[in-house]
Each structure stands twice: as C-alpha cells, then as structure tokens.
Protein backbone atom coordinates (compact mmCIF):
# COMPACT_ATOMS: atom_id res chain seq x y z
CA MET A 1 -8.34 -13.76 6.70
CA LEU A 2 -9.94 -10.77 8.43
CA LEU A 3 -9.16 -12.18 11.86
CA ILE A 4 -5.50 -12.44 10.89
CA PHE A 5 -5.48 -8.67 10.37
CA SER A 6 -7.25 -8.23 13.71
CA LEU A 7 -4.61 -10.32 15.45
CA LEU A 8 -1.82 -8.38 13.76
CA PHE A 9 -3.25 -5.07 14.97
CA LEU A 10 -3.44 -6.37 18.54
CA PHE A 11 0.09 -7.78 18.44
CA ILE A 12 1.70 -4.81 16.67
CA THR A 13 0.19 -2.09 18.86
CA PRO A 14 2.17 -2.92 22.03
CA LEU A 15 5.34 -3.21 19.93
CA ILE A 16 4.72 0.26 18.52
CA MET A 17 4.17 1.58 22.05
CA LEU A 18 7.45 0.02 23.18
CA ALA A 19 9.36 1.49 20.23
CA ILE A 20 7.92 4.96 20.89
CA ARG A 21 8.87 4.68 24.55
CA LEU A 22 12.45 3.75 23.67
CA PHE A 23 13.04 6.36 20.97
CA TRP A 24 10.68 9.12 22.16
CA PRO A 25 10.56 8.99 25.99
CA ASP A 26 8.63 12.25 26.29
CA PHE A 27 5.75 11.06 24.13
CA ALA A 28 2.52 11.85 26.00
CA TYR A 29 -0.16 10.21 23.87
CA HIS A 30 0.34 6.52 24.55
CA TRP A 31 -3.36 6.12 25.31
CA LEU A 32 -4.27 7.13 21.75
CA ILE A 33 -1.91 4.48 20.36
CA ALA A 34 -3.26 1.88 22.80
CA ALA A 35 -6.84 2.67 21.80
CA ALA A 36 -6.09 2.63 18.06
CA GLY A 37 -5.23 -1.10 18.01
CA PRO A 38 -8.49 -2.51 19.45
CA LEU A 39 -10.55 0.21 17.71
CA ILE A 40 -9.35 -1.22 14.40
CA ALA A 41 -9.36 -4.86 15.48
CA TRP A 42 -12.88 -4.81 16.94
CA PRO A 43 -14.89 -4.07 13.76
CA VAL A 44 -12.59 -6.33 11.75
CA THR A 45 -13.30 -9.20 14.15
CA LEU A 46 -17.02 -8.55 13.88
CA LEU A 47 -16.86 -8.63 10.08
CA ALA A 48 -15.02 -11.96 10.20
CA GLY A 49 -18.25 -13.58 11.39
CA ARG A 50 -19.89 -13.04 8.01
CA GLN A 51 -18.15 -16.12 6.60
CA LEU A 52 -18.17 -19.09 8.94
CA PRO A 53 -16.51 -21.50 9.22
CA GLN A 54 -12.98 -20.66 8.08
CA THR A 55 -9.73 -22.53 8.53
CA VAL A 56 -6.43 -20.65 8.39
CA HIS A 57 -3.17 -22.61 8.18
CA LEU A 58 -0.51 -20.46 9.80
CA ILE A 59 2.60 -22.41 8.82
CA SER A 60 3.28 -25.82 7.33
CA TRP A 61 5.89 -28.20 8.64
CA ASN A 62 6.60 -31.89 8.51
CA THR A 63 4.42 -33.57 11.11
CA VAL A 64 6.29 -35.36 13.84
CA ALA A 65 5.50 -37.56 16.84
CA PHE A 66 1.86 -37.35 17.89
CA PHE A 67 0.99 -34.12 16.08
CA THR A 68 -0.40 -34.79 12.62
CA GLU A 69 -1.29 -31.17 11.82
CA SER A 70 0.51 -27.84 11.71
CA PRO A 71 -0.63 -24.79 13.71
CA THR A 72 -4.09 -23.84 12.45
CA LEU A 73 -6.82 -21.36 13.34
CA LEU A 74 -10.47 -22.41 13.21
CA ILE A 75 -13.07 -19.65 13.03
CA ASP A 76 -16.56 -21.05 13.55
CA ARG A 77 -19.74 -20.53 15.58
CA LEU A 78 -17.94 -21.49 18.79
CA SER A 79 -14.60 -19.70 18.52
CA TRP A 80 -15.74 -16.48 16.82
CA PRO A 81 -17.97 -15.35 19.76
CA PHE A 82 -15.04 -15.73 22.17
CA ALA A 83 -12.74 -13.81 19.80
CA VAL A 84 -15.29 -10.99 19.60
CA ALA A 85 -15.76 -11.06 23.39
CA LEU A 86 -12.03 -10.71 24.07
CA THR A 87 -11.58 -7.96 21.49
CA THR A 88 -14.55 -6.11 23.00
CA LEU A 89 -13.16 -6.61 26.49
CA VAL A 90 -9.73 -5.15 25.76
CA LEU A 91 -11.32 -2.23 23.89
CA ALA A 92 -13.56 -1.56 26.92
CA VAL A 93 -10.52 -1.74 29.21
CA ILE A 94 -8.58 0.86 27.22
CA LEU A 95 -11.55 3.20 26.73
CA SER A 96 -12.66 3.03 30.37
CA GLU A 97 -9.13 3.95 31.49
CA VAL A 98 -10.00 7.62 30.85
CA ALA A 99 -11.93 7.54 34.14
CA ARG A 100 -8.89 6.16 35.99
CA ALA A 101 -6.24 8.77 35.28
CA SER A 102 -4.28 7.78 38.39
CA GLU A 103 -3.67 4.31 36.87
CA ALA A 104 -2.42 5.61 33.51
CA ASP A 105 0.63 3.58 32.49
CA TRP A 106 1.69 2.79 28.95
CA ALA A 107 3.33 -0.50 30.02
CA VAL A 108 0.07 -1.70 31.61
CA TRP A 109 -1.88 -0.89 28.44
CA ALA A 110 0.72 -2.64 26.28
CA GLY A 111 0.62 -5.71 28.53
CA SER A 112 -3.19 -5.81 28.37
CA LEU A 113 -3.12 -5.66 24.58
CA LEU A 114 -0.48 -8.38 24.32
CA LEU A 115 -2.37 -10.73 26.65
CA ALA A 116 -5.64 -10.08 24.79
CA ALA A 117 -3.94 -10.84 21.46
CA LEU A 118 -2.64 -14.13 22.85
CA GLY A 119 -6.14 -14.88 24.12
CA VAL A 120 -7.73 -14.29 20.70
CA PHE A 121 -5.09 -16.51 19.11
CA THR A 122 -5.80 -19.28 21.64
CA VAL A 123 -9.60 -19.27 21.40
CA LEU A 124 -9.23 -19.61 17.62
CA ALA A 125 -6.98 -22.68 17.94
CA GLY A 126 -7.97 -25.28 15.38
CA ASN A 127 -6.09 -28.25 16.85
CA PRO A 128 -4.46 -29.31 20.13
CA LEU A 129 -0.97 -28.21 19.05
CA THR A 130 -2.13 -24.63 18.45
CA LEU A 131 -4.08 -24.68 21.71
CA MET A 132 -1.07 -25.83 23.72
CA MET A 133 1.06 -23.12 22.12
CA GLY A 134 -1.55 -20.51 23.08
CA TRP A 135 -1.99 -21.83 26.62
CA ALA A 136 1.77 -21.86 27.19
CA ALA A 137 2.18 -18.32 25.82
CA ILE A 138 -0.66 -16.99 28.00
CA ASP A 139 0.68 -18.75 31.10
CA LEU A 140 4.22 -17.45 30.63
CA THR A 141 3.03 -13.90 29.90
CA GLU A 142 0.74 -13.93 32.92
CA LEU A 143 3.53 -15.33 35.12
CA LEU A 144 5.97 -12.60 34.08
CA ILE A 145 3.38 -9.84 34.56
CA MET A 146 2.27 -11.15 37.95
CA LEU A 147 5.82 -11.61 39.26
CA GLY A 148 6.63 -8.10 38.07
CA GLN A 149 3.58 -6.61 39.82
CA VAL A 150 3.62 -8.37 43.22
CA LYS A 151 6.48 -8.38 45.69
CA GLN A 152 5.15 -10.34 48.70
CA SER A 153 6.75 -13.78 48.91
CA VAL A 154 3.48 -15.48 49.91
CA VAL A 155 1.63 -14.07 46.89
CA ARG A 156 4.49 -14.89 44.54
CA GLU A 157 4.40 -18.48 45.82
CA ARG A 158 0.68 -18.68 44.95
CA VAL A 159 1.46 -17.31 41.50
CA VAL A 160 3.97 -20.10 40.88
CA ILE A 161 1.57 -22.77 42.20
CA THR A 162 -1.16 -21.50 39.87
CA PHE A 163 1.26 -21.60 36.96
CA SER A 164 2.14 -25.21 37.85
CA ALA A 165 -1.55 -26.21 37.94
CA ARG A 166 -2.10 -24.74 34.49
CA VAL A 167 0.96 -26.53 33.14
CA LEU A 168 -0.56 -29.74 34.49
CA GLY A 169 -3.66 -28.91 32.43
CA ILE A 170 -1.46 -28.73 29.34
CA GLY A 171 -0.11 -32.15 30.34
CA PHE A 172 -3.63 -33.63 30.33
CA LEU A 173 -4.19 -32.24 26.83
CA LEU A 174 -0.91 -33.80 25.70
CA VAL A 175 -2.03 -37.16 27.11
CA ALA A 176 -5.29 -36.78 25.15
CA VAL A 177 -3.27 -36.26 21.96
CA MET A 178 -1.24 -39.39 22.69
CA VAL A 179 -4.38 -41.45 23.34
CA ALA A 180 -5.93 -40.31 20.06
CA SER A 181 -2.71 -41.03 18.18
CA SER A 182 -2.41 -44.54 19.64
CA ALA A 183 -5.98 -45.23 18.51
CA GLY A 184 -5.19 -44.05 14.99
CA GLU A 185 -7.52 -41.03 15.30
CA THR A 186 -6.92 -37.55 13.93
CA PHE A 187 -7.44 -35.10 16.78
CA SER A 188 -8.57 -31.72 15.53
CA PHE A 189 -11.29 -29.45 16.87
CA GLU A 190 -13.34 -30.04 13.74
CA ALA A 191 -13.55 -33.75 14.66
CA ILE A 192 -12.84 -34.57 18.31
CA PRO A 193 -12.50 -38.30 19.09
CA SER A 194 -14.94 -39.36 21.80
CA GLN A 195 -12.28 -41.26 23.75
CA VAL A 196 -10.31 -38.08 24.50
CA GLY A 197 -13.20 -35.82 25.48
CA PHE A 198 -12.92 -36.76 29.15
CA LEU A 199 -9.18 -35.92 29.26
CA VAL A 200 -9.70 -32.56 27.57
CA LEU A 201 -12.50 -31.83 30.04
CA LEU A 202 -10.10 -32.47 32.91
CA ALA A 203 -7.47 -30.24 31.27
CA ALA A 204 -9.86 -27.31 30.90
CA GLY A 205 -11.50 -27.93 34.29
CA LEU A 206 -8.12 -27.95 36.03
CA ARG A 207 -7.05 -24.69 34.39
CA LEU A 208 -10.33 -23.05 35.43
CA GLY A 209 -10.09 -24.35 39.00
CA VAL A 210 -13.31 -26.38 38.77
CA LEU A 211 -12.13 -30.00 38.41
CA PRO A 212 -10.85 -30.38 41.07
CA MET A 213 -12.02 -27.19 42.74
CA HIS A 214 -9.28 -24.78 43.72
CA LEU A 215 -8.95 -21.01 43.66
CA PRO A 216 -5.83 -19.84 41.84
CA PHE A 217 -5.57 -16.95 44.30
CA ILE A 218 -7.72 -17.27 47.41
CA GLU A 219 -7.20 -13.53 47.96
CA GLU A 220 -7.29 -11.23 44.96
CA VAL A 221 -3.85 -9.94 44.02
CA PRO A 222 -3.74 -6.11 44.24
CA LEU A 223 -3.61 -5.06 40.59
CA ARG A 224 -4.98 -2.21 38.55
CA ARG A 225 -8.62 -2.61 37.64
CA GLY A 226 -8.06 -2.90 33.89
CA LEU A 227 -4.97 -5.10 33.93
CA GLY A 228 -6.40 -7.30 36.69
CA THR A 229 -9.56 -7.87 34.65
CA ILE A 230 -7.55 -8.87 31.58
CA LEU A 231 -5.31 -11.16 33.63
CA ARG A 232 -8.35 -12.92 35.08
CA LEU A 233 -10.62 -13.22 32.05
CA VAL A 234 -8.23 -13.95 29.18
CA PRO A 235 -6.88 -17.25 30.62
CA ALA A 236 -10.46 -18.20 31.52
CA ALA A 237 -11.66 -17.56 27.95
CA ALA A 238 -8.86 -19.77 26.59
CA SER A 239 -10.35 -22.71 28.52
CA LEU A 240 -14.05 -21.86 28.28
CA VAL A 241 -14.00 -22.13 24.49
CA ILE A 242 -12.70 -25.70 24.73
CA LEU A 243 -15.55 -26.67 27.05
CA ALA A 244 -18.02 -25.63 24.36
CA ARG A 245 -16.05 -27.51 21.69
CA ILE A 246 -15.84 -30.87 23.46
CA ALA A 247 -19.45 -31.06 24.73
CA ASP A 248 -20.52 -33.47 21.99
CA ALA A 249 -17.38 -35.61 22.38
CA VAL A 250 -17.84 -35.83 26.15
CA ALA A 251 -21.49 -36.84 25.77
CA GLY A 252 -20.48 -39.57 23.32
CA SER A 253 -17.89 -41.10 25.62
CA ASN A 254 -18.65 -43.94 28.01
CA LYS A 255 -16.56 -42.59 30.89
CA PRO A 256 -18.36 -39.26 31.27
CA MET A 257 -21.72 -41.01 31.04
CA ILE A 258 -20.72 -43.19 33.99
CA LEU A 259 -19.04 -40.33 35.85
CA ALA A 260 -21.60 -37.67 34.90
CA PRO A 261 -23.26 -37.53 38.36
CA LEU A 262 -19.85 -37.20 40.05
CA LEU A 263 -18.65 -34.52 37.62
CA LEU A 264 -21.91 -32.62 37.93
CA GLY A 265 -21.68 -32.85 41.71
CA LEU A 266 -18.14 -31.46 41.76
CA ALA A 267 -19.09 -28.69 39.35
CA GLY A 268 -22.23 -27.90 41.36
CA LEU A 269 -20.29 -27.62 44.62
CA ALA A 270 -17.71 -25.40 42.91
CA ALA A 271 -20.53 -23.22 41.53
CA LEU A 272 -22.16 -22.91 44.96
CA TYR A 273 -18.88 -22.11 46.69
CA GLY A 274 -17.91 -19.56 44.04
CA ALA A 275 -21.35 -17.90 44.18
CA ALA A 276 -21.33 -17.70 47.99
CA ALA A 277 -17.82 -16.24 48.06
CA TRP A 278 -18.83 -13.79 45.31
CA ALA A 279 -21.92 -12.61 47.20
CA LEU A 280 -19.94 -12.20 50.44
CA ALA A 281 -16.88 -10.50 48.92
CA ASP A 282 -16.13 -6.96 50.04
CA ASN A 283 -16.31 -5.71 46.45
CA GLU A 284 -16.38 -6.96 42.88
CA LEU A 285 -12.59 -6.90 42.52
CA ASP A 286 -12.03 -9.08 45.58
CA GLY A 287 -14.68 -11.42 44.19
CA ARG A 288 -13.12 -11.83 40.73
CA PRO A 289 -11.58 -15.28 41.40
CA SER A 290 -14.86 -16.52 42.87
CA TRP A 291 -16.84 -15.15 39.91
CA ILE A 292 -14.72 -17.04 37.40
CA LEU A 293 -14.72 -20.25 39.44
CA GLY A 294 -18.49 -20.29 39.92
CA MET A 295 -19.55 -19.13 36.47
CA ALA A 296 -17.10 -21.49 34.76
CA SER A 297 -18.73 -24.33 36.68
CA PHE A 298 -21.95 -23.69 34.72
CA SER A 299 -19.99 -24.12 31.48
CA VAL A 300 -18.46 -27.34 32.79
CA ALA A 301 -21.94 -28.64 33.58
CA GLY A 302 -23.07 -27.80 30.05
CA THR A 303 -20.15 -29.79 28.69
CA VAL A 304 -20.84 -32.82 30.91
CA LEU A 305 -24.48 -32.82 29.81
CA GLY A 306 -23.53 -32.52 26.12
CA GLU A 307 -25.03 -29.04 25.67
CA PRO A 308 -22.50 -26.86 23.77
CA SER A 309 -24.99 -23.99 23.44
CA ALA A 310 -25.42 -23.84 27.23
CA SER A 311 -21.66 -23.96 27.78
CA LEU A 312 -21.18 -21.20 25.21
CA ALA A 313 -23.88 -18.98 26.76
CA TRP A 314 -22.45 -19.16 30.26
CA GLY A 315 -18.89 -18.74 28.99
CA ILE A 316 -19.64 -15.53 27.08
CA ALA A 317 -21.65 -14.16 30.04
CA THR A 318 -18.70 -14.87 32.33
CA LEU A 319 -16.49 -12.63 30.21
CA LEU A 320 -18.85 -9.80 29.28
CA SER A 321 -21.14 -9.45 32.31
CA GLY A 322 -18.18 -9.93 34.62
CA GLY A 323 -15.97 -7.56 32.64
CA LEU A 324 -18.67 -4.88 32.73
CA LEU A 325 -18.87 -4.86 36.53
CA PHE A 326 -15.10 -5.16 37.01
CA LEU A 327 -14.50 -2.07 34.84
CA PHE A 328 -17.39 -0.06 36.32
CA SER A 329 -15.13 2.11 38.50
CA ALA A 330 -16.82 5.54 38.20
CA ARG A 331 -20.33 5.19 39.64
CA ASP A 332 -23.05 7.68 38.72
CA ARG A 333 -26.83 7.41 38.81
CA ARG A 334 -26.98 8.32 35.15
CA LEU A 335 -24.94 5.21 34.39
CA SER A 336 -26.88 2.78 36.60
CA TRP A 337 -28.43 1.14 33.55
CA LEU A 338 -25.06 -0.38 32.62
CA PRO A 339 -24.73 -2.88 35.51
CA LEU A 340 -28.47 -3.56 35.21
CA LEU A 341 -27.84 -4.92 31.71
CA GLY A 342 -25.02 -7.07 33.07
CA LEU A 343 -27.37 -8.41 35.74
CA VAL A 344 -30.01 -9.34 33.15
CA GLY A 345 -27.23 -10.98 31.15
CA ILE A 346 -26.79 -13.71 33.79
CA SER A 347 -30.48 -14.02 34.74
CA ALA A 348 -31.41 -16.73 32.19
CA LEU A 349 -34.71 -14.93 31.61
CA PRO A 350 -36.46 -15.68 28.31
CA TYR A 351 -34.65 -13.99 25.41
CA SER A 352 -31.77 -12.95 27.67
CA PRO A 353 -28.18 -13.87 26.64
CA THR A 354 -28.11 -16.87 29.01
CA TRP A 355 -31.50 -18.23 28.05
CA ASN A 356 -29.71 -21.09 26.32
CA GLY A 357 -28.04 -21.78 29.67
CA THR A 358 -31.34 -23.18 30.98
CA ARG A 359 -30.68 -26.27 28.87
CA LEU A 360 -28.78 -27.51 31.93
CA PHE A 361 -32.16 -28.00 33.58
CA THR A 362 -34.06 -29.28 30.54
CA SER A 363 -31.69 -31.90 29.15
CA PHE A 364 -31.10 -34.02 32.23
CA PHE A 365 -32.84 -33.59 35.59
CA THR A 366 -30.92 -34.48 38.72
CA PRO A 367 -31.04 -33.19 42.32
CA VAL A 368 -27.48 -31.90 41.81
CA LEU A 369 -28.87 -29.20 39.51
CA PHE A 370 -30.44 -27.54 42.55
CA LEU A 371 -26.89 -26.56 43.48
CA PHE A 372 -26.72 -24.55 40.27
CA LEU A 373 -30.09 -22.95 40.97
CA ALA A 374 -28.89 -21.83 44.40
CA ALA A 375 -25.61 -20.64 42.90
CA GLN A 376 -27.40 -18.58 40.26
CA VAL A 377 -29.52 -16.90 42.94
CA LEU A 378 -26.39 -15.97 44.89
CA PHE A 379 -24.66 -14.69 41.77
CA LEU A 380 -27.57 -12.35 41.07
CA ILE A 381 -27.61 -11.11 44.66
CA GLY A 382 -23.86 -10.57 44.66
CA TYR A 383 -23.91 -8.80 41.30
CA ALA A 384 -26.61 -6.37 42.45
CA ARG A 385 -24.85 -5.82 45.78
CA HIS A 386 -21.51 -4.97 44.17
CA ALA A 387 -23.12 -2.79 41.48
CA LEU A 388 -24.89 -0.68 44.14
CA GLN A 389 -21.69 0.07 46.05
CA GLU A 390 -20.18 3.53 45.82
CA GLY A 391 -17.18 4.16 43.61
CA ASN A 392 -15.23 7.00 42.08
CA SER A 393 -17.14 9.96 40.73
CA LEU A 394 -17.04 11.60 37.31
CA THR A 395 -18.15 14.91 38.75
CA GLY A 396 -16.05 17.64 37.22
CA ALA A 397 -14.68 15.38 34.47
CA GLU A 398 -14.36 16.80 30.98
CA ARG A 399 -17.09 16.09 28.44
CA TRP A 400 -14.97 13.78 26.34
CA VAL A 401 -14.48 11.55 29.40
CA TRP A 402 -18.27 11.40 29.88
CA LEU A 403 -18.54 10.31 26.26
CA ILE A 404 -15.76 7.72 26.04
CA TYR A 405 -16.12 6.01 29.43
CA PRO A 406 -19.81 5.01 29.09
CA PHE A 407 -19.29 4.11 25.43
CA GLY A 408 -16.48 1.70 26.31
CA LEU A 409 -18.55 0.00 29.00
CA ALA A 410 -21.73 -0.10 26.87
CA LEU A 411 -19.94 -2.16 24.23
CA LEU A 412 -19.90 -5.14 26.61
CA PRO A 413 -23.67 -5.56 27.14
CA VAL A 414 -24.37 -4.64 23.50
CA VAL A 415 -22.17 -7.50 22.29
CA LEU A 416 -23.53 -9.84 24.98
CA PHE A 417 -27.17 -9.25 24.01
CA SER A 418 -26.29 -9.44 20.31
CA PHE A 419 -24.92 -12.93 20.85
CA GLY A 420 -28.09 -13.75 22.77
CA VAL A 421 -30.20 -12.81 19.76
CA TRP A 422 -27.84 -14.74 17.45
CA THR A 423 -27.71 -17.97 19.47
CA ASN A 424 -31.00 -18.18 21.37
CA PRO A 425 -33.41 -20.89 20.26
CA SER A 426 -36.84 -20.37 18.81
CA ARG A 427 -39.81 -20.35 21.15
CA GLU A 428 -40.99 -23.71 19.84
CA ASN A 429 -37.69 -25.42 20.75
CA MET A 430 -37.60 -24.26 24.36
CA PRO A 431 -39.35 -26.50 26.94
CA VAL A 432 -41.53 -25.09 29.70
CA VAL A 433 -38.69 -25.39 32.22
CA GLY A 434 -36.60 -23.09 30.06
CA TRP A 435 -39.28 -20.41 30.26
CA LEU A 436 -39.72 -20.69 34.03
CA GLU A 437 -36.19 -21.27 35.38
CA GLY A 438 -34.93 -17.72 34.91
CA VAL A 439 -38.16 -16.19 36.24
CA VAL A 440 -38.04 -18.33 39.39
CA VAL A 441 -34.37 -17.52 39.99
CA VAL A 442 -34.91 -13.77 39.59
CA ILE A 443 -37.90 -13.81 41.98
CA LEU A 444 -35.96 -15.80 44.59
CA ALA A 445 -32.94 -13.51 44.23
CA ALA A 446 -35.12 -10.41 44.62
CA LEU A 447 -36.90 -11.73 47.71
CA LEU A 448 -33.73 -13.01 49.36
CA GLY A 449 -31.79 -9.89 48.42
CA ILE A 450 -34.40 -7.60 49.95
CA LYS A 451 -34.50 -9.69 53.11
CA LEU A 452 -30.71 -9.70 53.50
CA HIS A 453 -30.09 -6.11 52.35
CA ASN A 454 -27.33 -4.54 54.45
CA ARG A 455 -27.32 -7.58 56.72
CA ILE A 456 -24.87 -9.81 54.85
CA ARG A 457 -21.96 -10.70 57.09
CA VAL A 458 -18.97 -12.81 56.17
CA SER A 459 -18.49 -15.84 58.39
CA GLU A 460 -14.78 -16.43 58.04
CA LYS A 461 -14.85 -19.78 59.83
CA ALA A 462 -17.74 -21.09 57.73
CA ILE A 463 -16.09 -20.03 54.47
CA ASP A 464 -12.74 -21.53 55.51
CA LEU A 465 -14.39 -24.81 56.55
CA PHE A 466 -16.41 -25.00 53.32
CA GLU A 467 -13.31 -24.35 51.26
CA SER A 468 -11.15 -26.85 53.12
CA ILE A 469 -13.73 -29.61 52.61
CA LEU A 470 -14.64 -28.98 48.98
CA SER A 471 -11.37 -27.76 47.52
CA PHE A 472 -8.20 -29.74 46.97
CA ASN A 473 -5.91 -27.10 48.50
CA TRP A 474 -4.98 -29.62 51.20
CA LEU A 475 -3.64 -31.93 48.49
CA TYR A 476 -1.58 -29.15 46.92
CA ARG A 477 -0.19 -28.23 50.36
CA PHE A 478 0.69 -31.89 50.93
CA PHE A 479 2.76 -32.07 47.74
CA TRP A 480 4.28 -28.68 48.49
CA ASN A 481 5.36 -29.91 51.95
CA ILE A 482 6.91 -33.01 50.38
CA TYR A 483 8.83 -30.78 47.97
CA ARG A 484 10.10 -28.60 50.84
CA THR A 485 11.06 -31.66 52.93
CA ILE A 486 13.06 -33.14 50.05
CA GLY A 487 14.72 -29.77 49.51
CA ARG A 488 15.75 -29.51 53.17
CA LEU A 489 17.03 -33.11 53.12
CA ILE A 490 19.15 -32.44 50.03
CA THR A 491 20.51 -29.27 51.61
CA PHE A 492 21.38 -31.15 54.81
CA ILE A 493 23.17 -33.95 52.92
CA SER A 494 25.05 -31.42 50.81
CA THR A 495 26.16 -29.52 53.92
CA VAL A 496 27.32 -32.70 55.67
CA LEU A 497 29.26 -34.03 52.70
CA GLU A 498 30.93 -30.70 52.02
CA GLY A 499 32.33 -30.50 55.58
CA GLU A 500 35.68 -31.76 56.82
CA GLY A 501 34.28 -35.19 57.54
CA GLY A 502 32.57 -35.44 54.16
CA LEU A 503 34.74 -38.35 53.01
CA LEU A 504 34.02 -40.36 56.18
CA TRP A 505 30.27 -39.71 55.86
CA THR A 506 30.40 -40.80 52.23
CA LEU A 507 32.16 -44.05 53.12
CA LEU A 508 29.67 -44.68 55.96
CA LEU A 509 26.68 -44.18 53.68
CA LEU A 510 28.27 -46.47 51.08
CA VAL A 511 28.83 -49.23 53.68
CA LEU A 512 25.25 -48.92 54.96
CA PHE A 513 23.94 -49.12 51.41
CA LEU A 514 25.98 -52.27 50.69
CA LEU A 515 24.85 -53.91 53.93
CA MET A 516 21.22 -53.16 53.00
CA LEU A 517 21.67 -54.79 49.60
CA LEU A 518 23.30 -57.85 51.19
CA GLY A 519 20.45 -58.13 53.68
CA ILE A 520 17.87 -57.98 50.89
CA SER A 521 19.70 -60.61 48.80
CA SER A 522 20.16 -63.00 51.75
CA GLY A 523 16.53 -62.56 52.73
CA GLY A 524 15.48 -63.41 49.19
CA GLY A 525 17.67 -66.53 49.26
C-alpha cells in the first residue's frame, strides 16, 4: 500500500499547485510545493520494495468482453525498479531546476509531476487492461502538452503521427488480449501466455520506435530541459517495463524462436543507427530521441533472447544514465564526476549497473550481436563527448543552489548503482564473456574517441540515406499521402456536388455506377 500513497502524492501535488494558482495568483513559492510531492513520494517508493511482490486491486467491476480482471497494480522485482527510477527522475528534474531560473514555470513543473505520476501508475500495471489505461493516459497527456508547446505546423504534424503510432501499439496489445481470451487463457502479468508474447513485443517495440525502426521526432522538439526529459523518458519507461516482463513468454513461443534472427537484426540495426545519431548529435538534448531508440533496442534484444535481467538492466540505465546527462545543464569541473558515473553506468563493466546486460552476448551468440557491440562503443563515445561540452555556469550562484542542484543530479547514479548491486549476478554465475565484454568495449571506445576527438563531422547525406533504408518512415509517408489524396478527392466531390450543377453531376455518377454494375453482371453471365 505504500506505493499507493506515493502515487497519491504525485497526483495531488499538481492539483494543489493549480488550486493555489487560481485562488492565490501572487504566490511565489510554487517550486517548494512542486518539490514537496516527489520528496515525500521518493522515500515511500523506496520503502515499498521491502515487501515484494504485492498486488493491489484498485477497483472491482463485473468483467466484460475479453477482460477477465479489474484494474490492478503489481509491485514486484520488475516493476518496482522502474517505479523508483521514475520517482527519482522527477525529483531530480524539480531539484535541478534551481540552476535554470530562466525556465521557472509552475505549469511546467505541474505537468512534469502529472506525467511522472501516470508513468509510475503504468509501470506498475498488473494486467493488460491497466496497462492500456496507463498508455492511453500518457499518450493523451503528452499530446496535449506537446501541442500546447509547439506552434510549427510541421512539428505538430509529427506529434500527431507519433501519437497515432503509439495508439497502434495499444491496438497490438488489445489483439494479444483477444488471442489469449480465444485460447481460454488468463492474461495477467503474473502469468503471461506464451502465444501472446510476440504480439506484446510488437506493441512495446512499436511504441519505442524499434520494431519497426522509426524516430518519433527526427529533430528534437524545442522544449525546456526538464519537461523535455520527462516527456521523452516517461513514455519510454512505460514500454521498457513490459519488455522485461514478457522475456520468458517470448522465449517460450515458437514464433519468436523462428523469427529471433530477424528480430535481433532489426533491433541491432536500430541500436547502431541510434548510437551513431547520438554520437553525431550537436548536443545531448538534440540526441535524446536517438538515445532512447538505441538504448531501447538493447532491451528489445534481451527480450528476444529470453533474458529479463538484461532487458531490465538496459531499461533502467536508459532512464537514469540518460536522465543524468539530459539534466546536467550547469557544467563545472567540481561536478565532472556526475557524468562520469553515468558513463560507467552504461559501460557493462564488471559490477557496473549494466553488467547483467552482457547476458545478450553470453546466452546466444550470433554475428548480429556485433551490431550491439559497435552501438555500445558509439554510445560511450557520444556520452563522453556530450558530457565534456560547455554549458551554463553556477559561478555566482547562492550556496543553497550549489547544494540542491548536485544533490538532485547525484540521486540518479546513486539509485542506478544501487540497482546494480541489487540485481547483478554472483561471480560464479557470470561466464568469461560477461567479464570481458565491458572491458573490450571501454577500451575500443577510449581508443576510437581519442582518435576522433574534435574531428567528428556529421555527414548529412550518409545519415539520411541510412535512415531512409533502415527506418519505415517511407511507409508512414506512403499512408499519409494516401490519406491526403482521399481528403482532396472528398473535398473535390463535395465542391462539385454543392455547385449549381450538383444535381446533374449526381445523376451522371448514378448512371455510370448502374452501367458498371450491368457490365459486371453481363460479364459474369
């Protein structure tokens, strides 16, 4: 029940901020209210991990159609880490805002808290119905926030297309529920039928942009650093947790076993593309979509190979190592140890948080896995490159800012390494490859990074060609063109029929239609 209180604090805080704004417009301490919610929710969420697993039935109703269970939360060794990661992330966002006084906005803080609360609710979903409710709530909230923040028609069009792709992911999950129901299976996340694992994998992969590969926003939408980070990582977390859940079900299904090389190949290409785009991005904020695409591909690979611990390790690192760099706005030599911890967090070195991620290379060897090795090298190079760039300065800032800003950021690597200690295997259970993979990757990244230092140039044509070949953006543009063509045709017909000769045109179309029917019937005779 502790996580219920944590959720309530996260949900109530933005409502309190809204009420204060309405009834006390001159209130000047919105940041204190915004910080109070996650400051209370964070330790409560941590304490909830003392008793695992737990099942919380939210409401009870008569089951209908394909859904045999009411909305339920499941707190276990897979969902609790993601809940802690999201609570830590939103707390770090609010605390680090003290170094970005120019971005201070109570509405932005309230929106970040609301989206984080929806994310925690979704990662704790105990059955498909609860998950679909969470996905839909996150998608709608993100859509409203994005449409309220961006004004360019081209960007707003991409926002709507991304929303449509995520709705399609919900459709795949609904089909999985129908398949399980037709087979007489009870589909909950405590017992996932093997025949639906492949469909759920497609649902999560589509929402993450990995299966098939597509970037939700090819160019990063100009948003505030804190809000943009929440908008990127919360929807990703809501899908990453499902990848860890269904790993065993996917491994036990016949389809993924047959399609495993293809799925691994698609995920490997997505990882390589995301890592290359991340390393070549102008800065870490422009590279946020590429970071999520590439890192999520590692989690997809863990799911395909039936390694939930690997999928979990890469998923948590995506949120916490990425969030650390995205929020690292004020750069100072005395704080250089912070991004260094984030870099180690994705290194897969022995005893690092992603050490379990090396199970990708120990459970099933295939040449495709070299794509992931190359991608990991590029991710390390890109992370170091972005961390070394100049940023805002804290020179002249008050002492309390110097205290709160580093503390907020330090929470992210502390939680990340704590999960590494909690989940990493014993030395006896790790094969030799697991000991060597991270070391080899770090050495290659160091050598290549030194060689290419200050000589990395973006080849726009190469990136565009790579994207056009590997992604399915051409397919989305094809359907979008069909939609526009139908729309123009309908508009033309409506204009013609509404004119003075509309009746004559209607009669002509009716005669042509009848003649066509007569021709078909006579031909059939």
